[in-house]
Amino acid sequence: MPWVNLCALMGFLCFNHLKAQFFEVFDASKMDITGAQMVLVMKLSSFGWSYQDGQLLISDPKKFNSNLNTYQKSRAVTNHPTFLSFVSYAFFFPALVTGPAFDYADYEKFIMTDLFEDVPQSKRPGRRRKRKIPRSGRIAAKKVVGGLFWAALWMVLKPRLNVDMLLSQSFVTDHSFLYRIFFLWILGFVHRLKYYAVWSIAEGGCILVGIGYNGYDKKKDKFYWNRVQNIDIFAFETGQNCHACLEAWNQNTNKWLKNYVYLRTVTKRDPKTGKLRPGFISTFITFLTSAFWHGTMPGYYLTFVVGSVLQATGKIYRRNFRPMFITADESIVSPYKPLYDIVCYLVTQLAFGYTVQPFVILEFKKSLQAWSTVYFYIHIGSIITLLVFDGPYKKKVIELCAKYHYVAAKIPETPEIPVKPTVVEQIARVPVTRLEKPEDGSASVSADEGSIPDYDDQEELHDDAVPALGIPELDKFKEDFDEFRIEKDLPEWFNEDGSSKEAMIRAFEELREDARSMLHNTTSSKPEKKD
């Protein structure tokens, strides 16, 4: 049923996208309802999955623990809410128009004030300390003032830096190539300002009412208010690679795509680690969902395709050039590492300034016209990179780069002399089952299999296997497709759990036996020579 729910929501959203695209004339004075509808799609579809997870917890706790990650388990809904509770969640005013979207479990904890159980008594406001929600006015005001600043900056820069200037005939003739590529960078920043403004103000509203609360750190004596954070402006504007920037952008959409689309299509697990093994189908469905969720205009798809290529090329450069300046364990750092960081920052930001223009222009011809002003230099650079590092001379180029890599010094391991532990030490080593953050971020340890973990950590987003915003890396997408094609054409090479090593060995053994049998039959069927 959650898939039916998601398809129905996406179908209605796509209908409104197409209606606005083909049957309505753009009017800046009118509000487009698809923005609020996009937020509702995330909320209502995530609720469908959370309620199914809650029913799974009741019916089969073991399957609940094994099939879901920590985030999904902590958002499970065991009891269906009342109509009033559900409608108040769907139309929660501070996040109605622009988001952020959040799970029903978070909203219920907020309404019932269970979200603030960890607030120390001394930190609660009021004379009698009965109010559970800690004071958040200063943090909320900071977010709102920041949002107003971004809005004011957008209003100042928009008349001076806009798409009309980019598409004008004099833009190419009057300005140098270097000016034009930096103009795209600054123009991309201007495009982002309106998102910074509305997301910051909306987050401030959520913090003010209390749903933005995300825990209290006793050691640092600090409250965290980033539960519904949608944008990390500093991380995006200082990002040195595409993946880091995409993770900092529209974070709640990233969580939704990961936990309620991407991981829901994965059925196979790694036999060694037990982790879910995503493949081509998962990546492709997530990409389509993200693309149609944003809209049906061609500009969105142009941006997504180029973004996929950029992630692949960025990964190539990082894998082959970063070890020239720093080792993986950071034990050796080149004096030229700051220069490498500056180059990575400039290339990443220039590439984003180039890539996002169709996302704003939306029309196909005008998007190509915008890219043509800088001669499609990102496209050309990406193609050259892929040809050099993934072409016929791939091995030689990689070996050449590897000659200049720093190699971390290997520290010899000192063998430990086994000492028989005392009785007290043996008792102390008995593990105490408690709820804590798992090392792999995929499953939690709970004393009761039928319990919902109370754990919230956005670090689960930082998973290279999950495509940020549904935009897959080109090389990873190709690998997944090749594996999918082989698995479909040669099912005997794969086990039921998706592992291929043992199945392939078994298939080759059977092939060898068949060859021996054939050879034996051929030899035995030869006519004997007559004297």
Protein backbone atom coordinates (compact mmCIF):
# COMPACT_ATOMS: atom_id res chain seq x y z
CA MET A 1 0.00 0.00 0.00
CA PRO A 2 2.76 2.58 0.64
CA TRP A 3 3.80 2.23 -3.01
CA VAL A 4 0.21 2.82 -4.13
CA ASN A 5 0.12 5.83 -1.83
CA LEU A 6 3.37 7.22 -3.27
CA CYS A 7 2.31 6.63 -6.88
CA ALA A 8 -1.05 8.33 -6.31
CA LEU A 9 0.60 11.34 -4.66
CA MET A 10 3.23 11.60 -7.40
CA GLY A 11 0.58 11.22 -10.10
CA PHE A 12 -1.48 14.10 -8.73
CA LEU A 13 1.65 16.23 -8.34
CA CYS A 14 2.75 15.49 -11.92
CA PHE A 15 -0.74 16.39 -13.13
CA ASN A 16 -0.43 19.83 -11.55
CA HIS A 17 3.12 20.21 -12.90
CA LEU A 18 1.89 19.47 -16.43
CA LYS A 19 -1.12 21.72 -15.98
CA ALA A 20 1.10 24.63 -14.96
CA GLN A 21 3.50 23.88 -17.83
CA PHE A 22 1.04 23.60 -20.73
CA PHE A 23 -2.23 25.24 -19.72
CA GLU A 24 -1.32 28.19 -17.51
CA VAL A 25 0.51 31.44 -18.13
CA PHE A 26 3.16 32.32 -15.56
CA ASP A 27 2.09 35.14 -13.26
CA ALA A 28 4.51 36.26 -10.55
CA SER A 29 1.63 37.71 -8.52
CA LYS A 30 -0.01 34.29 -8.17
CA MET A 31 1.24 31.49 -5.96
CA ASP A 32 1.91 28.10 -7.50
CA ILE A 33 0.37 25.37 -5.34
CA THR A 34 2.86 22.74 -6.50
CA GLY A 35 5.44 24.03 -4.00
CA ALA A 36 3.21 23.22 -1.02
CA GLN A 37 2.09 20.02 -2.73
CA MET A 38 5.71 18.84 -3.01
CA VAL A 39 6.02 19.15 0.77
CA LEU A 40 2.76 17.22 1.23
CA VAL A 41 4.01 14.42 -1.03
CA MET A 42 7.00 13.92 1.27
CA LYS A 43 4.89 14.04 4.43
CA LEU A 44 2.06 11.78 3.31
CA SER A 45 4.26 9.19 1.58
CA SER A 46 6.61 8.97 4.58
CA PHE A 47 3.59 8.51 6.86
CA GLY A 48 2.44 5.57 4.74
CA TRP A 49 5.78 3.81 5.17
CA SER A 50 6.01 4.69 8.88
CA TYR A 51 2.57 3.24 9.58
CA GLN A 52 3.44 0.04 7.71
CA ASP A 53 6.67 -0.18 9.72
CA GLY A 54 4.63 0.17 12.91
CA GLN A 55 2.37 -2.70 11.88
CA LEU A 56 5.46 -4.77 11.06
CA LEU A 57 6.77 -4.05 14.56
CA ILE A 58 3.56 -5.42 16.05
CA SER A 59 3.32 -8.50 13.81
CA ASP A 60 6.97 -9.46 13.36
CA PRO A 61 9.49 -7.66 15.65
CA LYS A 62 12.45 -9.70 14.37
CA LYS A 63 11.77 -8.75 10.76
CA PHE A 64 11.27 -5.16 11.90
CA ASN A 65 14.76 -5.11 13.42
CA SER A 66 16.47 -6.84 10.52
CA ASN A 67 14.81 -5.08 7.57
CA LEU A 68 14.87 -1.45 8.69
CA ASN A 69 17.67 0.96 9.51
CA THR A 70 17.78 3.01 12.70
CA TYR A 71 16.12 6.06 11.19
CA GLN A 72 13.20 4.06 9.80
CA LYS A 73 12.69 2.19 13.08
CA SER A 74 12.67 5.37 15.13
CA ARG A 75 9.94 6.83 12.88
CA ALA A 76 7.58 3.84 13.02
CA VAL A 77 3.94 4.65 13.86
CA THR A 78 2.14 1.84 15.70
CA ASN A 79 -1.24 3.53 16.28
CA HIS A 80 -3.14 5.30 13.52
CA PRO A 81 -3.63 8.96 14.49
CA THR A 82 -7.00 10.62 14.78
CA PHE A 83 -8.28 12.68 11.87
CA LEU A 84 -7.51 15.94 13.69
CA SER A 85 -3.96 14.85 14.53
CA PHE A 86 -3.31 13.74 10.97
CA VAL A 87 -4.66 16.94 9.39
CA SER A 88 -2.73 19.12 11.86
CA TYR A 89 0.44 17.24 10.87
CA ALA A 90 -0.21 17.58 7.14
CA PHE A 91 -1.03 21.29 7.33
CA PHE A 92 1.40 22.29 10.08
CA PHE A 93 1.51 26.03 9.48
CA PRO A 94 5.23 26.93 9.90
CA ALA A 95 6.17 24.32 7.27
CA LEU A 96 3.11 24.36 5.03
CA VAL A 97 4.29 26.33 1.99
CA THR A 98 8.04 25.75 1.70
CA GLY A 99 8.70 22.97 4.18
CA PRO A 100 10.67 21.61 5.88
CA ALA A 101 9.02 18.21 5.71
CA PHE A 102 9.33 15.90 8.73
CA ASP A 103 7.98 12.56 9.89
CA TYR A 104 4.75 12.07 11.80
CA ALA A 105 6.65 10.42 14.67
CA ASP A 106 8.59 13.66 15.20
CA TYR A 107 5.37 15.68 15.12
CA GLU A 108 3.64 13.37 17.61
CA LYS A 109 6.59 13.56 20.02
CA PHE A 110 6.48 17.34 19.68
CA ILE A 111 2.72 17.56 20.37
CA MET A 112 2.91 15.17 23.33
CA THR A 113 6.12 16.95 24.52
CA ASP A 114 7.97 13.61 24.58
CA LEU A 115 10.55 15.30 22.38
CA PHE A 116 11.80 17.31 25.37
CA GLU A 117 12.21 14.55 27.96
CA ASP A 118 15.99 15.00 28.03
CA VAL A 119 15.79 18.72 28.94
CA PRO A 120 17.27 19.14 32.45
CA GLN A 121 14.93 20.52 35.10
CA SER A 122 17.24 23.48 35.65
CA LYS A 123 17.09 24.39 31.95
CA ARG A 124 13.31 24.53 31.72
CA PRO A 125 11.83 28.02 31.54
CA GLY A 126 9.29 29.43 34.00
CA ARG A 127 9.33 29.79 37.75
CA ARG A 128 7.81 26.40 38.46
CA ARG A 129 9.76 24.67 35.69
CA LYS A 130 6.58 23.07 34.30
CA ARG A 131 7.18 24.16 30.72
CA LYS A 132 9.11 21.40 28.94
CA ILE A 133 10.09 23.25 25.76
CA PRO A 134 13.36 25.14 26.36
CA ARG A 135 13.64 28.76 25.33
CA SER A 136 14.33 29.05 21.63
CA GLY A 137 13.47 32.66 20.85
CA ARG A 138 17.07 33.76 20.35
CA ILE A 139 17.94 30.87 18.01
CA ALA A 140 14.70 31.32 16.06
CA ALA A 141 15.24 35.07 15.74
CA LYS A 142 18.74 34.44 14.44
CA LYS A 143 17.35 32.17 11.72
CA VAL A 144 14.61 34.64 10.77
CA VAL A 145 17.00 37.59 10.66
CA GLY A 146 19.36 35.51 8.53
CA GLY A 147 16.49 34.67 6.19
CA LEU A 148 15.50 38.33 5.92
CA PHE A 149 19.12 39.21 5.14
CA TRP A 150 19.24 36.67 2.29
CA ALA A 151 15.89 37.96 1.00
CA ALA A 152 17.12 41.57 1.05
CA LEU A 153 20.35 40.57 -0.68
CA TRP A 154 18.35 38.74 -3.35
CA MET A 155 16.18 41.83 -3.93
CA VAL A 156 19.30 43.97 -4.35
CA LEU A 157 21.20 41.60 -6.66
CA LYS A 158 18.33 40.25 -8.77
CA PRO A 159 17.89 43.43 -10.90
CA ARG A 160 21.66 43.59 -11.46
CA LEU A 161 22.37 39.90 -12.07
CA ASN A 162 19.66 37.91 -13.83
CA VAL A 163 18.96 35.40 -16.58
CA ASP A 164 17.93 38.09 -19.07
CA MET A 165 21.47 39.48 -19.01
CA LEU A 166 22.85 35.98 -19.60
CA LEU A 167 20.60 35.39 -22.61
CA SER A 168 21.12 38.81 -24.18
CA GLN A 169 22.94 39.02 -27.52
CA SER A 170 25.56 41.41 -26.15
CA PHE A 171 26.60 39.11 -23.30
CA VAL A 172 29.06 37.12 -25.43
CA THR A 173 30.36 40.01 -27.54
CA ASP A 174 30.87 42.48 -24.68
CA HIS A 175 32.50 40.20 -22.13
CA SER A 176 35.47 37.85 -22.05
CA PHE A 177 35.19 34.11 -21.53
CA LEU A 178 36.68 34.39 -18.02
CA TYR A 179 34.10 37.03 -17.08
CA ARG A 180 31.27 34.85 -18.37
CA ILE A 181 32.16 31.73 -16.40
CA PHE A 182 32.46 33.75 -13.17
CA PHE A 183 29.20 35.50 -14.02
CA LEU A 184 27.49 32.09 -14.06
CA TRP A 185 28.98 31.34 -10.65
CA ILE A 186 27.65 34.57 -9.12
CA LEU A 187 24.33 34.15 -10.91
CA GLY A 188 24.00 30.68 -9.40
CA PHE A 189 24.57 32.22 -5.96
CA VAL A 190 21.81 34.76 -6.65
CA HIS A 191 19.47 31.90 -7.59
CA ARG A 192 20.18 30.21 -4.25
CA LEU A 193 19.46 33.31 -2.16
CA LYS A 194 15.68 32.93 -2.35
CA TYR A 195 15.96 29.34 -1.13
CA TYR A 196 18.24 30.42 1.70
CA ALA A 197 15.66 33.05 2.66
CA VAL A 198 12.51 30.94 2.73
CA TRP A 199 14.16 27.87 4.27
CA SER A 200 15.84 29.90 7.02
CA ILE A 201 12.62 31.72 7.93
CA ALA A 202 10.61 28.48 7.91
CA GLU A 203 13.23 26.76 10.07
CA GLY A 204 13.10 29.70 12.47
CA GLY A 205 9.34 29.23 12.81
CA CYS A 206 9.78 25.52 13.53
CA ILE A 207 12.46 26.26 16.13
CA LEU A 208 10.26 28.86 17.81
CA VAL A 209 7.36 26.44 18.34
CA GLY A 210 9.77 23.68 19.42
CA ILE A 211 9.70 21.02 16.71
CA GLY A 212 13.23 21.99 15.65
CA TYR A 213 14.60 20.71 18.97
CA ASN A 214 17.12 17.88 18.49
CA GLY A 215 18.53 17.11 21.92
CA TYR A 216 20.67 18.37 24.76
CA ASP A 217 24.41 17.70 25.11
CA LYS A 218 25.31 17.44 28.80
CA LYS A 219 29.05 17.60 28.20
CA LYS A 220 28.88 20.81 26.18
CA ASP A 221 25.81 22.15 28.02
CA LYS A 222 24.27 22.90 24.64
CA PHE A 223 20.87 22.56 23.00
CA TYR A 224 20.64 21.44 19.38
CA TRP A 225 17.91 22.84 17.13
CA ASN A 226 18.69 21.20 13.78
CA ARG A 227 16.00 18.48 13.67
CA VAL A 228 14.26 20.03 10.66
CA GLN A 229 17.26 21.86 9.17
CA ASN A 230 16.89 21.95 5.40
CA ILE A 231 20.04 23.75 4.30
CA ASP A 232 23.59 24.07 5.61
CA ILE A 233 24.56 27.31 3.90
CA PHE A 234 28.16 27.36 5.06
CA ALA A 235 28.77 23.73 4.03
CA PHE A 236 27.31 24.34 0.58
CA GLU A 237 29.13 27.60 -0.13
CA THR A 238 32.47 26.17 1.01
CA GLY A 239 32.04 22.69 -0.48
CA GLN A 240 35.04 21.28 -2.34
CA ASN A 241 33.18 18.51 -4.17
CA CYS A 242 29.73 18.00 -5.68
CA HIS A 243 28.68 15.26 -3.29
CA ALA A 244 29.33 17.42 -0.21
CA CYS A 245 27.36 20.31 -1.71
CA LEU A 246 24.39 18.12 -2.63
CA GLU A 247 24.29 16.68 0.88
CA ALA A 248 24.11 20.18 2.34
CA TRP A 249 21.25 21.16 0.01
CA ASN A 250 17.59 20.32 0.72
CA GLN A 251 18.53 17.88 3.46
CA ASN A 252 15.01 16.75 4.34
CA THR A 253 14.39 15.79 0.73
CA ASN A 254 17.60 13.76 0.91
CA LYS A 255 16.28 11.94 3.99
CA TRP A 256 12.94 11.29 2.32
CA LEU A 257 14.49 9.94 -0.89
CA LYS A 258 16.90 7.73 1.03
CA ASN A 259 14.58 6.23 3.65
CA TYR A 260 11.28 6.12 1.79
CA VAL A 261 12.26 5.55 -1.85
CA TYR A 262 15.85 4.33 -2.29
CA LEU A 263 16.10 1.84 0.58
CA ARG A 264 12.52 0.67 0.09
CA THR A 265 13.39 -0.74 -3.32
CA VAL A 266 16.40 -2.70 -2.04
CA THR A 267 15.71 -6.35 -1.27
CA LYS A 268 19.16 -7.95 -1.42
CA ARG A 269 21.74 -7.94 1.34
CA ASP A 270 25.47 -8.38 1.37
CA PRO A 271 26.08 -11.90 2.75
CA LYS A 272 29.20 -10.74 4.62
CA THR A 273 28.13 -7.42 6.17
CA GLY A 274 24.37 -7.92 6.21
CA LYS A 275 23.87 -4.45 4.76
CA LEU A 276 21.36 -3.76 2.02
CA ARG A 277 22.81 -4.01 -1.47
CA PRO A 278 21.33 -1.30 -3.70
CA GLY A 279 21.46 -1.74 -7.44
CA PHE A 280 20.35 -0.33 -10.73
CA ILE A 281 16.61 -0.55 -10.00
CA SER A 282 16.96 1.36 -6.70
CA THR A 283 19.05 4.10 -8.27
CA PHE A 284 16.83 4.42 -11.32
CA ILE A 285 13.56 4.61 -9.34
CA THR A 286 15.04 7.19 -6.97
CA PHE A 287 16.28 9.27 -9.90
CA LEU A 288 12.84 9.21 -11.57
CA THR A 289 11.05 10.04 -8.33
CA SER A 290 13.34 12.98 -7.61
CA ALA A 291 13.07 14.27 -11.18
CA PHE A 292 9.26 14.09 -11.40
CA TRP A 293 8.94 15.45 -7.87
CA HIS A 294 10.79 18.61 -8.90
CA GLY A 295 8.73 19.09 -12.05
CA THR A 296 8.26 18.19 -15.69
CA MET A 297 10.14 21.06 -17.32
CA PRO A 298 13.21 20.05 -19.42
CA GLY A 299 15.55 22.24 -17.39
CA TYR A 300 15.29 19.99 -14.34
CA TYR A 301 16.43 16.95 -16.30
CA LEU A 302 19.29 18.81 -17.99
CA THR A 303 20.57 19.80 -14.56
CA PHE A 304 20.17 16.29 -13.13
CA VAL A 305 21.97 14.59 -16.02
CA VAL A 306 24.90 17.00 -15.89
CA GLY A 307 24.96 16.69 -12.09
CA SER A 308 25.31 12.93 -12.45
CA VAL A 309 28.28 13.37 -14.80
CA LEU A 310 29.87 15.94 -12.48
CA GLN A 311 29.74 13.54 -9.53
CA ALA A 312 31.47 10.88 -11.61
CA THR A 313 34.23 13.21 -12.84
CA GLY A 314 34.69 14.71 -9.39
CA LYS A 315 35.13 11.24 -7.95
CA ILE A 316 37.77 10.47 -10.59
CA TYR A 317 39.79 13.58 -9.77
CA ARG A 318 39.49 13.05 -6.03
CA ARG A 319 40.60 9.42 -6.29
CA ASN A 320 43.61 10.15 -8.51
CA PHE A 321 44.79 13.61 -7.44
CA ARG A 322 43.97 13.96 -3.75
CA PRO A 323 46.56 11.30 -2.69
CA MET A 324 49.21 13.55 -4.29
CA PHE A 325 48.61 16.06 -1.49
CA ILE A 326 47.49 14.03 1.52
CA THR A 327 47.36 10.41 2.64
CA ALA A 328 44.12 8.70 3.56
CA ASP A 329 44.98 8.75 7.27
CA GLU A 330 46.25 12.37 6.97
CA SER A 331 49.63 11.33 8.37
CA ILE A 332 51.42 13.07 5.48
CA VAL A 333 50.23 16.44 4.18
CA SER A 334 51.83 18.24 1.27
CA PRO A 335 52.70 21.93 1.69
CA TYR A 336 50.68 22.46 -1.49
CA LYS A 337 47.51 21.02 0.06
CA PRO A 338 45.95 24.51 0.56
CA LEU A 339 46.45 25.18 -3.16
CA TYR A 340 44.69 21.89 -3.95
CA ASP A 341 41.79 22.91 -1.70
CA ILE A 342 41.45 26.27 -3.43
CA VAL A 343 41.43 24.67 -6.88
CA CYS A 344 38.81 22.10 -5.78
CA TYR A 345 36.64 24.86 -4.33
CA LEU A 346 36.81 27.01 -7.46
CA VAL A 347 36.16 24.12 -9.83
CA THR A 348 33.21 22.87 -7.74
CA GLN A 349 31.56 26.27 -7.42
CA LEU A 350 32.12 27.15 -11.09
CA ALA A 351 30.67 23.80 -12.11
CA PHE A 352 27.59 24.37 -9.96
CA GLY A 353 27.12 27.86 -11.36
CA TYR A 354 27.13 26.31 -14.83
CA THR A 355 24.95 23.31 -14.01
CA VAL A 356 22.07 25.00 -12.17
CA GLN A 357 21.15 27.51 -14.89
CA PRO A 358 18.64 25.17 -16.64
CA PHE A 359 17.07 24.47 -13.23
CA VAL A 360 16.02 28.13 -13.14
CA ILE A 361 15.55 28.82 -16.86
CA LEU A 362 13.52 25.58 -17.30
CA GLU A 363 13.08 25.90 -21.09
CA PHE A 364 15.18 23.58 -23.25
CA LYS A 365 16.38 26.01 -25.95
CA LYS A 366 17.14 28.83 -23.53
CA SER A 367 19.03 26.43 -21.27
CA LEU A 368 21.26 25.35 -24.16
CA GLN A 369 21.68 29.00 -25.11
CA ALA A 370 22.89 29.79 -21.58
CA TRP A 371 25.44 26.97 -21.70
CA SER A 372 26.57 28.01 -25.17
CA THR A 373 27.70 31.41 -23.83
CA VAL A 374 30.61 29.58 -22.19
CA TYR A 375 30.98 27.05 -25.03
CA PHE A 376 29.73 24.08 -22.97
CA TYR A 377 33.08 23.99 -21.21
CA ILE A 378 31.86 21.79 -18.34
CA HIS A 379 30.46 19.25 -20.79
CA ILE A 380 33.69 19.21 -22.79
CA GLY A 381 35.86 18.96 -19.68
CA SER A 382 33.79 16.09 -18.29
CA ILE A 383 33.89 14.16 -21.57
CA ILE A 384 37.67 14.57 -21.83
CA THR A 385 38.06 13.41 -18.22
CA LEU A 386 35.96 10.30 -18.80
CA LEU A 387 37.83 9.48 -22.01
CA VAL A 388 41.24 9.87 -20.35
CA PHE A 389 40.49 8.03 -17.10
CA ASP A 390 37.98 5.51 -18.43
CA GLY A 391 39.17 5.04 -22.00
CA PRO A 392 41.68 2.75 -23.71
CA TYR A 393 44.62 4.32 -21.84
CA LYS A 394 42.92 4.14 -18.46
CA LYS A 395 45.49 1.84 -16.86
CA LYS A 396 48.50 3.88 -17.96
CA VAL A 397 47.00 7.18 -16.82
CA ILE A 398 46.05 5.81 -13.41
CA GLU A 399 49.50 4.25 -12.96
CA LEU A 400 51.12 7.57 -13.90
CA CYS A 401 49.07 9.40 -11.27
CA ALA A 402 49.81 6.70 -8.70
CA LYS A 403 53.56 7.35 -9.01
CA TYR A 404 53.06 10.73 -7.33
CA HIS A 405 50.77 9.51 -4.54
CA TYR A 406 51.86 9.83 -0.94
CA VAL A 407 52.04 6.48 0.83
CA ALA A 408 51.33 6.33 4.53
CA ALA A 409 54.06 4.74 6.61
CA LYS A 410 53.12 1.28 7.83
CA ILE A 411 53.51 0.92 11.58
CA PRO A 412 54.55 -2.62 12.52
CA GLU A 413 52.02 -4.32 14.71
CA THR A 414 53.26 -5.47 18.12
CA PRO A 415 51.97 -8.94 18.88
CA GLU A 416 49.94 -9.07 22.06
CA ILE A 417 50.69 -11.74 24.62
CA PRO A 418 47.42 -13.38 25.61
CA VAL A 419 46.76 -13.11 29.33
CA LYS A 420 44.07 -15.15 30.99
CA PRO A 421 41.51 -12.71 32.44
CA THR A 422 40.49 -12.89 36.05
CA VAL A 423 36.94 -13.76 37.11
CA VAL A 424 36.16 -10.08 37.73
CA GLU A 425 37.45 -9.14 34.27
CA GLN A 426 35.41 -11.92 32.66
CA ILE A 427 32.25 -10.58 34.29
CA ALA A 428 33.14 -7.03 33.24
CA ARG A 429 33.51 -8.13 29.63
CA VAL A 430 29.96 -9.45 29.43
CA PRO A 431 28.24 -7.01 27.06
CA VAL A 432 25.34 -5.04 28.47
CA THR A 433 22.60 -4.71 25.86
CA ARG A 434 21.69 -1.07 25.45
CA LEU A 435 20.47 1.23 22.75
CA GLU A 436 23.34 3.03 21.10
CA LYS A 437 24.45 4.30 17.76
CA PRO A 438 25.58 1.38 15.60
CA GLU A 439 28.95 1.54 13.93
CA ASP A 440 27.58 0.89 10.46
CA GLY A 441 24.54 3.13 10.88
CA SER A 442 22.29 0.38 9.56
CA ALA A 443 20.78 -1.26 12.63
CA SER A 444 20.40 -0.55 16.31
CA VAL A 445 20.95 -2.74 19.35
CA SER A 446 17.94 -2.92 21.62
CA ALA A 447 17.24 -4.92 24.75
CA ASP A 448 13.70 -5.48 23.53
CA GLU A 449 13.13 -6.57 19.95
CA GLY A 450 9.69 -5.00 20.07
CA SER A 451 10.87 -1.48 20.92
CA ILE A 452 11.22 1.63 18.82
CA PRO A 453 14.70 3.18 19.13
CA ASP A 454 14.76 6.77 20.31
CA TYR A 455 17.68 7.80 18.16
CA ASP A 456 18.02 10.69 15.76
CA ASP A 457 21.21 11.32 13.84
CA GLN A 458 21.44 13.05 10.48
CA GLU A 459 24.90 11.56 9.98
CA GLU A 460 23.11 8.62 8.35
CA LEU A 461 22.69 10.92 5.37
CA HIS A 462 26.40 10.90 4.71
CA ASP A 463 26.41 7.60 2.89
CA ASP A 464 28.26 7.49 -0.43
CA ALA A 465 26.06 4.62 -1.58
CA VAL A 466 22.97 6.83 -1.47
CA PRO A 467 22.59 9.28 -4.37
CA ALA A 468 22.16 12.79 -2.97
CA LEU A 469 18.86 14.32 -4.13
CA GLY A 470 18.37 11.18 -6.22
CA ILE A 471 21.12 12.22 -8.66
CA PRO A 472 23.24 9.07 -9.27
CA GLU A 473 26.94 9.09 -10.04
CA LEU A 474 27.41 8.14 -13.69
CA ASP A 475 30.00 5.42 -13.11
CA LYS A 476 28.05 3.88 -10.21
CA PHE A 477 24.88 3.97 -12.30
CA LYS A 478 26.70 2.13 -15.12
CA GLU A 479 28.06 -0.52 -12.72
CA ASP A 480 24.60 -1.11 -11.26
CA PHE A 481 23.10 -1.42 -14.74
CA ASP A 482 25.77 -3.90 -15.87
CA GLU A 483 25.18 -6.03 -12.77
CA PHE A 484 21.41 -5.84 -13.30
CA ARG A 485 21.78 -6.93 -16.93
CA ILE A 486 24.07 -9.85 -16.07
CA GLU A 487 21.80 -10.97 -13.25
CA LYS A 488 18.81 -10.90 -15.59
CA ASP A 489 20.52 -12.70 -18.48
CA LEU A 490 22.47 -15.18 -16.35
CA PRO A 491 20.39 -15.90 -13.22
CA GLU A 492 22.31 -19.10 -12.53
CA TRP A 493 25.37 -16.98 -11.69
CA PHE A 494 23.65 -15.45 -8.66
CA ASN A 495 22.47 -16.85 -5.34
CA GLU A 496 19.12 -16.01 -3.79
CA ASP A 497 20.75 -13.41 -1.54
CA GLY A 498 22.29 -11.67 -4.54
CA SER A 499 25.88 -12.84 -3.97
CA SER A 500 27.64 -13.95 -7.10
CA LYS A 501 30.98 -15.46 -6.11
CA GLU A 502 29.88 -18.92 -4.99
CA ALA A 503 27.19 -19.11 -7.65
CA MET A 504 29.68 -18.27 -10.40
CA ILE A 505 32.12 -20.89 -9.12
CA ARG A 506 29.33 -23.45 -9.10
CA ALA A 507 28.27 -22.43 -12.63
CA PHE A 508 31.82 -22.80 -13.94
CA GLU A 509 32.15 -26.20 -12.23
CA GLU A 510 28.98 -27.35 -13.96
CA LEU A 511 30.28 -25.96 -17.25
CA ARG A 512 33.54 -27.87 -16.81
CA GLU A 513 31.69 -31.10 -16.03
CA ASP A 514 29.52 -30.60 -19.12
CA ALA A 515 32.62 -30.01 -21.23
CA ARG A 516 34.26 -33.17 -19.88
CA SER A 517 31.11 -35.15 -20.53
CA MET A 518 30.90 -33.81 -24.06
CA LEU A 519 34.55 -34.60 -24.72
CA HIS A 520 34.11 -38.11 -23.33
CA ASN A 521 31.05 -38.74 -25.48
CA THR A 522 32.84 -37.44 -28.56
CA THR A 523 35.85 -39.67 -27.92
CA SER A 524 33.77 -42.77 -27.22
CA SER A 525 31.64 -42.24 -30.32
CA LYS A 526 34.61 -42.25 -32.74
CA PRO A 527 34.52 -45.27 -35.12
CA GLU A 528 37.19 -47.87 -34.53
CA LYS A 529 39.82 -48.31 -37.23
CA LYS A 530 39.44 -51.45 -39.28
CA ASP A 531 42.47 -53.61 -40.00
